C-alpha atoms as a PDB file:
ATOM      1  CA  UNK A   1      -9.321  14.150   2.297  1.00  0.00           C
ATOM      2  CA  UNK A   2      -9.055  11.418   4.912  1.00  0.00           C
ATOM      3  CA  UNK A   3      -6.969   8.367   4.121  1.00  0.00           C
ATOM      4  CA  UNK A   4      -9.885   6.026   4.880  1.00  0.00           C
ATOM      5  CA  UNK A   5     -11.681   7.390   1.801  1.00  0.00           C
ATOM      6  CA  UNK A   6      -8.996   5.918  -0.500  1.00  0.00           C
ATOM      7  CA  UNK A   7      -9.608   2.282   0.486  1.00  0.00           C
ATOM      8  CA  UNK A   8     -12.111   0.093  -1.388  1.00  0.00           C
ATOM      9  CA  UNK A   9     -12.826  -3.585  -0.750  1.00  0.00           C
ATOM     10  CA  UNK A  10     -12.295  -4.489  -4.422  1.00  0.00           C
ATOM     11  CA  UNK A  11      -8.691  -3.264  -4.061  1.00  0.00           C
ATOM     12  CA  UNK A  12      -7.770  -5.442  -1.068  1.00  0.00           C
ATOM     13  CA  UNK A  13      -6.207  -8.893  -1.198  1.00  0.00           C
ATOM     14  CA  UNK A  14      -5.694 -10.845   2.016  1.00  0.00           C
ATOM     15  CA  UNK A  15      -3.354 -13.751   2.751  1.00  0.00           C
ATOM     16  CA  UNK A  16      -1.823 -13.501  -0.715  1.00  0.00           C
ATOM     17  CA  UNK A  17       0.693 -16.250  -1.430  1.00  0.00           C
ATOM     18  CA  UNK A  18       3.269 -14.114  -3.245  1.00  0.00           C
ATOM     19  CA  UNK A  19       6.699 -15.349  -4.211  1.00  0.00           C
ATOM     20  CA  UNK A  20       8.171 -11.975  -5.117  1.00  0.00           C
ATOM     21  CA  UNK A  21       7.651  -8.241  -5.116  1.00  0.00           C
ATOM     22  CA  UNK A  22       6.593  -8.468  -8.776  1.00  0.00           C
ATOM     23  CA  UNK A  23       3.789 -10.914  -7.868  1.00  0.00           C
ATOM     24  CA  UNK A  24       2.371  -8.324  -5.484  1.00  0.00           C
ATOM     25  CA  UNK A  25       2.782  -5.481  -7.977  1.00  0.00           C
ATOM     26  CA  UNK A  26       1.057  -7.489 -10.713  1.00  0.00           C
ATOM     27  CA  UNK A  27      -1.980  -8.478  -8.656  1.00  0.00           C
ATOM     28  CA  UNK A  28      -2.506  -5.036  -7.094  1.00  0.00           C
ATOM     29  CA  UNK A  29      -2.069  -3.320 -10.454  1.00  0.00           C
ATOM     30  CA  UNK A  30      -4.659  -5.657 -11.974  1.00  0.00           C
ATOM     31  CA  UNK A  31      -7.150  -4.710  -9.246  1.00  0.00           C
ATOM     32  CA  UNK A  32      -6.482  -0.992  -9.726  1.00  0.00           C
ATOM     33  CA  UNK A  33      -6.604  -1.201 -13.528  1.00  0.00           C
ATOM     34  CA  UNK A  34      -9.726  -3.387 -13.782  1.00  0.00           C
ATOM     35  CA  UNK A  35     -11.591  -1.044 -11.442  1.00  0.00           C
ATOM     36  CA  UNK A  36     -10.671   2.069 -13.436  1.00  0.00           C
ATOM     37  CA  UNK A  37      -8.202   3.674 -11.003  1.00  0.00           C
ATOM     38  CA  UNK A  38      -5.013   3.572 -13.078  1.00  0.00           C
ATOM     39  CA  UNK A  39      -3.799   3.614 -16.671  1.00  0.00           C
ATOM     40  CA  UNK A  40      -2.011   0.739 -18.431  1.00  0.00           C
ATOM     41  CA  UNK A  41       1.285   2.576 -17.882  1.00  0.00           C
ATOM     42  CA  UNK A  42       0.957   2.411 -14.071  1.00  0.00           C
ATOM     43  CA  UNK A  43       2.512  -1.035 -13.505  1.00  0.00           C
ATOM     44  CA  UNK A  44       5.703  -0.374 -15.452  1.00  0.00           C
ATOM     45  CA  UNK A  45       6.030   3.068 -13.839  1.00  0.00           C
ATOM     46  CA  UNK A  46       5.720   1.585 -10.328  1.00  0.00           C
ATOM     47  CA  UNK A  47       8.331  -1.076 -11.076  1.00  0.00           C
ATOM     48  CA  UNK A  48      10.765   1.495 -12.521  1.00  0.00           C
ATOM     49  CA  UNK A  49      10.302   3.840  -9.568  1.00  0.00           C
ATOM     50  CA  UNK A  50      10.750   1.016  -7.051  1.00  0.00           C
ATOM     51  CA  UNK A  51      14.156   0.142  -8.553  1.00  0.00           C
ATOM     52  CA  UNK A  52      15.389   3.726  -8.132  1.00  0.00           C
ATOM     53  CA  UNK A  53      13.465   4.750  -4.993  1.00  0.00           C
ATOM     54  CA  UNK A  54      12.641   1.638  -2.928  1.00  0.00           C
ATOM     55  CA  UNK A  55       9.636   1.744  -0.609  1.00  0.00           C
ATOM     56  CA  UNK A  56      10.287  -0.991   1.967  1.00  0.00           C
ATOM     57  CA  UNK A  57       9.902   0.251   5.519  1.00  0.00           C
ATOM     58  CA  UNK A  58      11.555  -1.534   8.429  1.00  0.00           C
ATOM     59  CA  UNK A  59       9.115  -1.128  11.306  1.00  0.00           C
ATOM     60  CA  UNK A  60       8.747  -2.759  14.721  1.00  0.00           C
ATOM     61  CA  UNK A  61       6.746  -5.955  14.276  1.00  0.00           C
ATOM     62  CA  UNK A  62       5.429  -5.912  10.686  1.00  0.00           C
ATOM     63  CA  UNK A  63       7.298  -4.405   7.771  1.00  0.00           C
ATOM     64  CA  UNK A  64       5.433  -2.473   5.105  1.00  0.00           C
ATOM     65  CA  UNK A  65       6.035  -1.283   1.546  1.00  0.00           C
ATOM     66  CA  UNK A  66       4.316   1.742   0.006  1.00  0.00           C
ATOM     67  CA  UNK A  67       4.946   1.539  -3.755  1.00  0.00           C
ATOM     68  CA  UNK A  68       3.650   4.429  -5.840  1.00  0.00           C
ATOM     69  CA  UNK A  69       4.442   6.442  -8.953  1.00  0.00           C
ATOM     70  CA  UNK A  70       3.728   9.720 -10.720  1.00  0.00           C
ATOM     71  CA  UNK A  71       0.188  11.134 -11.034  1.00  0.00           C
ATOM     72  CA  UNK A  72       0.099  10.954 -14.847  1.00  0.00           C
ATOM     73  CA  UNK A  73      -0.392   7.166 -14.559  1.00  0.00           C
ATOM     74  CA  UNK A  74      -3.467   7.515 -12.313  1.00  0.00           C
ATOM     75  CA  UNK A  75      -7.092   8.126 -13.290  1.00  0.00           C
ATOM     76  CA  UNK A  76      -8.613   8.433  -9.812  1.00  0.00           C
ATOM     77  CA  UNK A  77      -6.996   8.145  -6.365  1.00  0.00           C
ATOM     78  CA  UNK A  78      -6.980   4.926  -4.352  1.00  0.00           C
ATOM     79  CA  UNK A  79      -4.879   2.677  -2.148  1.00  0.00           C
ATOM     80  CA  UNK A  80      -4.674  -1.036  -2.955  1.00  0.00           C
ATOM     81  CA  UNK A  81      -3.652  -3.363  -0.127  1.00  0.00           C
ATOM     82  CA  UNK A  82      -2.137  -6.834   0.029  1.00  0.00           C
ATOM     83  CA  UNK A  83      -1.501  -8.809   3.186  1.00  0.00           C
ATOM     84  CA  UNK A  84       0.887 -11.696   2.590  1.00  0.00           C
ATOM     85  CA  UNK A  85       0.977 -15.306   3.803  1.00  0.00           C
ATOM     86  CA  UNK A  86       4.779 -15.106   3.803  1.00  0.00           C
ATOM     87  CA  UNK A  87       6.861 -11.927   3.610  1.00  0.00           C
ATOM     88  CA  UNK A  88       8.522 -10.927   0.330  1.00  0.00           C
ATOM     89  CA  UNK A  89      11.728  -8.958  -0.133  1.00  0.00           C
ATOM     90  CA  UNK A  90      11.686  -5.224  -0.809  1.00  0.00           C
ATOM     91  CA  UNK A  91      14.650  -2.884  -0.606  1.00  0.00           C
ATOM     92  CA  UNK A  92      14.759  -0.558   2.388  1.00  0.00           C
ATOM     93  CA  UNK A  93      13.668   3.025   1.735  1.00  0.00           C
ATOM     94  CA  UNK A  94      16.254   4.320   4.209  1.00  0.00           C
ATOM     95  CA  UNK A  95      19.090   2.074   2.982  1.00  0.00           C
ATOM     96  CA  UNK A  96      18.530   0.712  -0.560  1.00  0.00           C
ATOM     97  CA  UNK A  97      21.300  -1.875  -0.130  1.00  0.00           C
ATOM     98  CA  UNK A  98      19.372  -3.537   2.690  1.00  0.00           C
ATOM     99  CA  UNK A  99      16.570  -6.083   2.206  1.00  0.00           C
ATOM    100  CA  UNK A 100      13.330  -5.785   4.140  1.00  0.00           C
ATOM    101  CA  UNK A 101      10.928  -8.722   4.543  1.00  0.00           C
ATOM    102  CA  UNK A 102       7.550  -7.073   3.961  1.00  0.00           C
ATOM    103  CA  UNK A 103       4.206  -8.374   5.296  1.00  0.00           C
ATOM    104  CA  UNK A 104       1.805  -5.676   4.051  1.00  0.00           C
ATOM    105  CA  UNK A 105       1.839  -3.604   0.864  1.00  0.00           C
ATOM    106  CA  UNK A 106      -0.086  -0.360   0.430  1.00  0.00           C
ATOM    107  CA  UNK A 107       0.081   0.485  -3.294  1.00  0.00           C
ATOM    108  CA  UNK A 108      -0.745   4.177  -3.618  1.00  0.00           C
ATOM    109  CA  UNK A 109      -2.375   5.680  -6.701  1.00  0.00           C
ATOM    110  CA  UNK A 110      -2.720   9.473  -6.561  1.00  0.00           C
ATOM    111  CA  UNK A 111      -3.648  11.718  -9.457  1.00  0.00           C
ATOM    112  CA  UNK A 112      -2.413  14.996  -7.929  1.00  0.00           C
ATOM    113  CA  UNK A 113       1.192  15.420  -6.830  1.00  0.00           C
ATOM    114  CA  UNK A 114       0.374  17.937  -4.095  1.00  0.00           C
ATOM    115  CA  UNK A 115      -1.839  15.357  -2.352  1.00  0.00           C
ATOM    116  CA  UNK A 116       1.002  12.819  -2.217  1.00  0.00           C
ATOM    117  CA  UNK A 117       2.804  14.332   0.774  1.00  0.00           C
ATOM    118  CA  UNK A 118      -0.362  14.602   2.849  1.00  0.00           C
ATOM    119  CA  UNK A 119      -1.392  11.045   1.942  1.00  0.00           C
ATOM    120  CA  UNK A 120       2.035   9.638   2.829  1.00  0.00           C
ATOM    121  CA  UNK A 121       1.987  11.457   6.179  1.00  0.00           C
ATOM    122  CA  UNK A 122      -1.404   9.949   7.010  1.00  0.00           C
ATOM    123  CA  UNK A 123      -0.305   6.487   5.869  1.00  0.00           C
ATOM    124  CA  UNK A 124       2.915   6.649   7.900  1.00  0.00           C
ATOM    125  CA  UNK A 125       0.858   7.585  10.960  1.00  0.00           C
ATOM    126  CA  UNK A 126      -1.360   4.559  10.328  1.00  0.00           C
ATOM    127  CA  UNK A 127       1.433   2.016   9.781  1.00  0.00           C
ATOM    128  CA  UNK A 128       3.364   3.031  12.884  1.00  0.00           C
ATOM    129  CA  UNK A 129       0.595   1.419  14.953  1.00  0.00           C
ATOM    130  CA  UNK A 130       1.690  -2.219  15.485  1.00  0.00           C
ATOM    131  CA  UNK A 131      -1.677  -3.286  16.895  1.00  0.00           C
ATOM    132  CA  UNK A 132      -3.466  -1.844  13.848  1.00  0.00           C
ATOM    133  CA  UNK A 133      -1.137  -3.712  11.464  1.00  0.00           C
ATOM    134  CA  UNK A 134      -1.670  -6.906  13.453  1.00  0.00           C
ATOM    135  CA  UNK A 135      -5.450  -6.532  13.093  1.00  0.00           C
ATOM    136  CA  UNK A 136      -5.109  -5.886   9.355  1.00  0.00           C
ATOM    137  CA  UNK A 137      -2.905  -8.970   8.861  1.00  0.00           C
ATOM    138  CA  UNK A 138      -5.374 -11.089  10.854  1.00  0.00           C
ATOM    139  CA  UNK A 139      -8.352 -10.283   8.627  1.00  0.00           C
ATOM    140  CA  UNK A 140      -9.592 -12.360   5.700  1.00  0.00           C
ATOM    141  CA  UNK A 141     -11.537  -9.730   3.795  1.00  0.00           C
ATOM    142  CA  UNK A 142     -11.482  -6.206   2.446  1.00  0.00           C
ATOM    143  CA  UNK A 143     -14.599  -5.087   4.329  1.00  0.00           C
ATOM    144  CA  UNK A 144     -13.001  -5.955   7.662  1.00  0.00           C
ATOM    145  CA  UNK A 145      -9.759  -4.156   6.818  1.00  0.00           C
ATOM    146  CA  UNK A 146     -11.641  -1.027   5.748  1.00  0.00           C
ATOM    147  CA  UNK A 147     -13.612  -1.147   9.004  1.00  0.00           C
ATOM    148  CA  UNK A 148     -10.375  -1.363  11.035  1.00  0.00           C
ATOM    149  CA  UNK A 149      -8.930   1.652   9.187  1.00  0.00           C
ATOM    150  CA  UNK A 150     -12.162   3.660   9.542  1.00  0.00           C
ATOM    151  CA  UNK A 151     -12.304   2.895  13.279  1.00  0.00           C
ATOM    152  CA  UNK A 152      -8.709   4.032  13.590  1.00  0.00           C
ATOM    153  CA  UNK A 153      -9.523   7.231  11.711  1.00  0.00           C
ATOM    154  CA  UNK A 154     -12.455   7.969  14.004  1.00  0.00           C
ATOM    155  CA  UNK A 155      -9.952   8.260  16.836  1.00  0.00           C
ATOM    156  CA  UNK A 156      -7.757  10.638  14.843  1.00  0.00           C
ATOM    157  CA  UNK A 157      -9.329  13.342  12.693  1.00  0.00           C
ATOM    158  CA  UNK A 158      -6.364  13.556  10.298  1.00  0.00           C
ATOM    159  CA  UNK A 159      -6.248   9.899   9.274  1.00  0.00           C
END
């Protein structure tokens, strides 16, 4: 399955004025839950996992976080997205003692563990493109962000 198929406009928040990581988790969880993608247990599971296995990624121009949790908390697969007005602090995936100021969050909800590796590979490929991240941050709506991702995936069959 291509990564572009996991994005839905009702799961995208742009220019979110978050104060903390928890603000982002709460609003993305609410979108996922209200649209029938995740169970009530998802939010707490994501927060617990993030404390033990942080998901902040220090990239070139824009830093990203990819919070996720175990499949038993997911009803159907999706990726919720938040672009932020101001970065919030996440811990670095590579060095959990280090803070990372994150601009974009891709909250992943997968209901099959074997699909997680493939999805993460596709997402990593996507977020390593600075110009793509810049376009995503510059948009004001979910439709536009989905279009950017779909156009990117047209150029690469795996994404």
